Each structure stands twice: as structure tokens, then as C-alpha cells.
Amino acid sequence: MNTSIHRALLGFLALTGVGVGVWAYAAPRNWYDTFPGMGLSWLPQLGPYNEHFVKDVGAMFLGLALLSVLAMIHVANTTLVKVTAGTWTLFNLLHFVYHMQMLGMYSPRDQVLNAIVLSAILLASAALFIPARQPAKLTQSA
């Protein structure tokens, strides 16, 4: 894996964090009622609306987005990339485990979509643990 792939994965995680974070923080009721969008609604089945909780979720996703952007800018800093990978992977793994236990609340279509989306973001974050090869430097021949 090279640093370009790391940048792409970090960009994907950053966009996920910004998208969910801004939506949840700026429009908490709309996010709760209509997440993930596209005519679907996955949150009301899990419990009553709580503005404080939703805004906290938005703030957490924005924090993860910032961490991802910083790691993307400083992709050569392997420690920062690993910290970002670990932070996202821990969150995504626990999030995945919880939601896999709650699939019975959803229609078969939403069960499949939950499993696909949550698996994809978990795999994206875990893939950041694969060491990046630095691009080969061009050498001048004499």
C-alpha cells in the first residue's frame, strides 16, 4: 500500500466524519429522523430522540474528521496515521458490533445495508494499519 491509498482512506473517513458530524450537530432532529438519508430512517427504532446525545455524536464525528484531515496532511507521520487508524477502528468496531445485534429492528433491505455500510467503514479504518510504502525517489544518473 502506498501513501496515496492512505490519503484516499483518510479522505473517505474525513468526508464521513464531516457529513455525519455537520448534519447531526447543525440539524439534530432532521438527522435523527432521516439518517442515513435517501428515504431511509435507521435511528428512531433504536430509542427516543435526545438533542444532547445527537449533538454529542455530531461533535464526535467532527473531531474524528479533524483527526483524519491532520493525518491526511501529515501522511508521512506513521504514528499519527496509526493513532487515527486506531481511533476510527475502535469506534467502528464497537459501532459495528452494537448494530449487528440490533438488526432485528430493521427490514431485510436495511439489515443488508447496515451490514455493508458498517463493514465498509470498519475495513477502511483498519486498512490504515497496513504500512505505507514511501514513493521511490528518482535518482540522477551520472
Protein backbone atom coordinates (compact mmCIF):
# COMPACT_ATOMS: atom_id res chain seq x y z
CA MET A 1 0.00 0.00 0.00
CA ASN A 2 1.31 3.46 -0.75
CA THR A 3 0.72 6.84 0.83
CA SER A 4 -1.81 7.75 -1.89
CA ILE A 5 -4.07 4.93 -0.71
CA HIS A 6 -3.64 6.08 2.88
CA ARG A 7 -4.61 9.60 1.80
CA ALA A 8 -7.68 8.26 -0.01
CA LEU A 9 -8.78 6.21 3.02
CA LEU A 10 -8.23 9.18 5.33
CA GLY A 11 -10.17 11.38 2.92
CA PHE A 12 -13.06 8.90 2.92
CA LEU A 13 -13.08 8.85 6.73
CA ALA A 14 -12.83 12.65 6.88
CA LEU A 15 -15.77 13.06 4.49
CA THR A 16 -17.78 10.56 6.51
CA GLY A 17 -16.99 12.45 9.70
CA VAL A 18 -17.81 15.85 8.22
CA GLY A 19 -21.01 14.64 6.56
CA VAL A 20 -22.42 12.93 9.63
CA GLY A 21 -20.95 15.46 12.04
CA VAL A 22 -22.23 18.65 10.43
CA TRP A 23 -25.66 17.12 9.78
CA ALA A 24 -26.07 15.78 13.33
CA TYR A 25 -24.75 18.92 15.01
CA ALA A 26 -26.46 21.54 12.83
CA ALA A 27 -29.80 19.77 12.30
CA PRO A 28 -30.08 17.21 15.09
CA ARG A 29 -33.79 16.45 14.74
CA ASN A 30 -33.56 16.06 10.97
CA TRP A 31 -30.52 13.80 11.33
CA TYR A 32 -32.29 11.63 13.90
CA ASP A 33 -35.48 11.37 11.84
CA THR A 34 -33.89 10.78 8.41
CA PHE A 35 -30.41 9.26 8.82
CA PRO A 36 -28.88 7.86 6.59
CA GLY A 37 -30.98 9.76 4.04
CA MET A 38 -32.20 8.58 0.64
CA GLY A 39 -35.66 7.89 2.08
CA LEU A 40 -34.31 5.63 4.83
CA SER A 41 -34.59 6.12 8.59
CA TRP A 42 -32.42 3.99 10.88
CA LEU A 43 -32.39 5.82 14.21
CA PRO A 44 -35.94 6.12 15.61
CA GLN A 45 -36.12 2.32 16.02
CA LEU A 46 -33.20 2.47 18.46
CA GLY A 47 -34.73 4.80 21.04
CA PRO A 48 -36.22 8.22 21.65
CA TYR A 49 -34.76 11.44 20.27
CA ASN A 50 -32.31 13.23 22.56
CA GLU A 51 -30.87 16.50 21.22
CA HIS A 52 -27.92 16.50 23.61
CA PHE A 53 -26.92 12.98 22.57
CA VAL A 54 -27.31 13.74 18.86
CA LYS A 55 -25.21 16.91 19.09
CA ASP A 56 -22.55 14.96 21.02
CA VAL A 57 -22.49 12.37 18.22
CA GLY A 58 -22.09 15.19 15.70
CA ALA A 59 -19.26 16.73 17.71
CA MET A 60 -17.51 13.36 17.99
CA PHE A 61 -17.71 12.79 14.23
CA LEU A 62 -16.33 16.29 13.60
CA GLY A 63 -13.43 15.52 15.96
CA LEU A 64 -12.71 12.31 14.05
CA ALA A 65 -12.89 14.26 10.79
CA LEU A 66 -10.32 16.77 12.05
CA LEU A 67 -8.01 13.96 13.15
CA SER A 68 -8.38 12.38 9.70
CA VAL A 69 -7.58 15.63 7.88
CA LEU A 70 -4.48 16.18 10.02
CA ALA A 71 -3.32 12.62 9.32
CA MET A 72 -4.01 13.12 5.61
CA ILE A 73 -1.88 16.28 5.58
CA HIS A 74 0.90 14.58 7.56
CA VAL A 75 0.55 11.11 5.99
CA ALA A 76 4.30 10.51 6.31
CA ASN A 77 3.87 10.64 10.10
CA THR A 78 3.19 6.96 10.64
CA THR A 79 2.43 7.43 14.32
CA LEU A 80 -0.32 9.93 13.54
CA VAL A 81 -1.76 7.65 10.85
CA LYS A 82 -1.75 4.70 13.28
CA VAL A 83 -3.41 6.77 16.02
CA THR A 84 -6.06 7.83 13.53
CA ALA A 85 -6.49 4.23 12.37
CA GLY A 86 -6.79 3.01 15.95
CA THR A 87 -9.28 5.68 16.95
CA TRP A 88 -11.55 5.12 13.96
CA THR A 89 -11.18 1.33 14.10
CA LEU A 90 -12.10 1.09 17.77
CA PHE A 91 -15.15 3.27 17.24
CA ASN A 92 -16.16 1.46 14.06
CA LEU A 93 -15.69 -2.00 15.57
CA LEU A 94 -17.80 -1.22 18.64
CA HIS A 95 -20.37 0.54 16.46
CA PHE A 96 -20.48 -2.47 14.11
CA VAL A 97 -20.89 -4.98 16.98
CA TYR A 98 -23.75 -2.98 18.51
CA HIS A 99 -25.64 -2.59 15.26
CA MET A 100 -25.22 -6.24 14.25
CA GLN A 101 -27.05 -7.11 17.50
CA MET A 102 -29.88 -4.71 16.59
CA LEU A 103 -30.51 -5.85 13.01
CA GLY A 104 -33.81 -7.47 14.00
CA MET A 105 -35.34 -3.99 14.27
CA TYR A 106 -34.92 -3.42 10.54
CA SER A 107 -36.36 -4.68 7.28
CA PRO A 108 -34.20 -7.16 5.33
CA ARG A 109 -33.07 -4.36 2.95
CA ASP A 110 -31.98 -2.17 5.88
CA GLN A 111 -30.27 -5.13 7.57
CA VAL A 112 -28.15 -5.71 4.47
CA LEU A 113 -27.41 -2.00 4.02
CA ASN A 114 -26.40 -1.63 7.69
CA ALA A 115 -24.04 -4.58 7.41
CA ILE A 116 -22.48 -3.30 4.17
CA VAL A 117 -22.04 0.33 5.28
CA LEU A 118 -20.71 -0.51 8.73
CA SER A 119 -18.35 -3.18 7.34
CA ALA A 120 -17.00 -0.82 4.67
CA ILE A 121 -16.13 1.95 7.10
CA LEU A 122 -14.61 -0.55 9.54
CA LEU A 123 -12.45 -2.05 6.79
CA ALA A 124 -11.41 1.42 5.59
CA SER A 125 -10.20 2.39 9.04
CA ALA A 126 -8.47 -0.96 9.69
CA ALA A 127 -6.69 -0.79 6.31
CA LEU A 128 -4.78 2.24 7.59
CA PHE A 129 -2.77 -0.17 9.75
CA ILE A 130 -1.17 -1.62 6.61
CA PRO A 131 2.18 0.15 6.38
CA ALA A 132 2.54 2.64 3.55
CA ARG A 133 5.50 2.48 1.25
CA GLN A 134 7.04 5.83 0.58
CA PRO A 135 7.22 6.68 -3.13
CA ALA A 136 10.57 5.79 -4.66
CA LYS A 137 12.86 8.78 -5.07
CA LEU A 138 14.22 9.43 -8.51
CA THR A 139 17.97 9.38 -8.67
CA GLN A 140 20.09 11.21 -11.18
CA SER A 141 22.49 9.11 -13.16
CA ALA A 142 25.91 10.49 -13.92
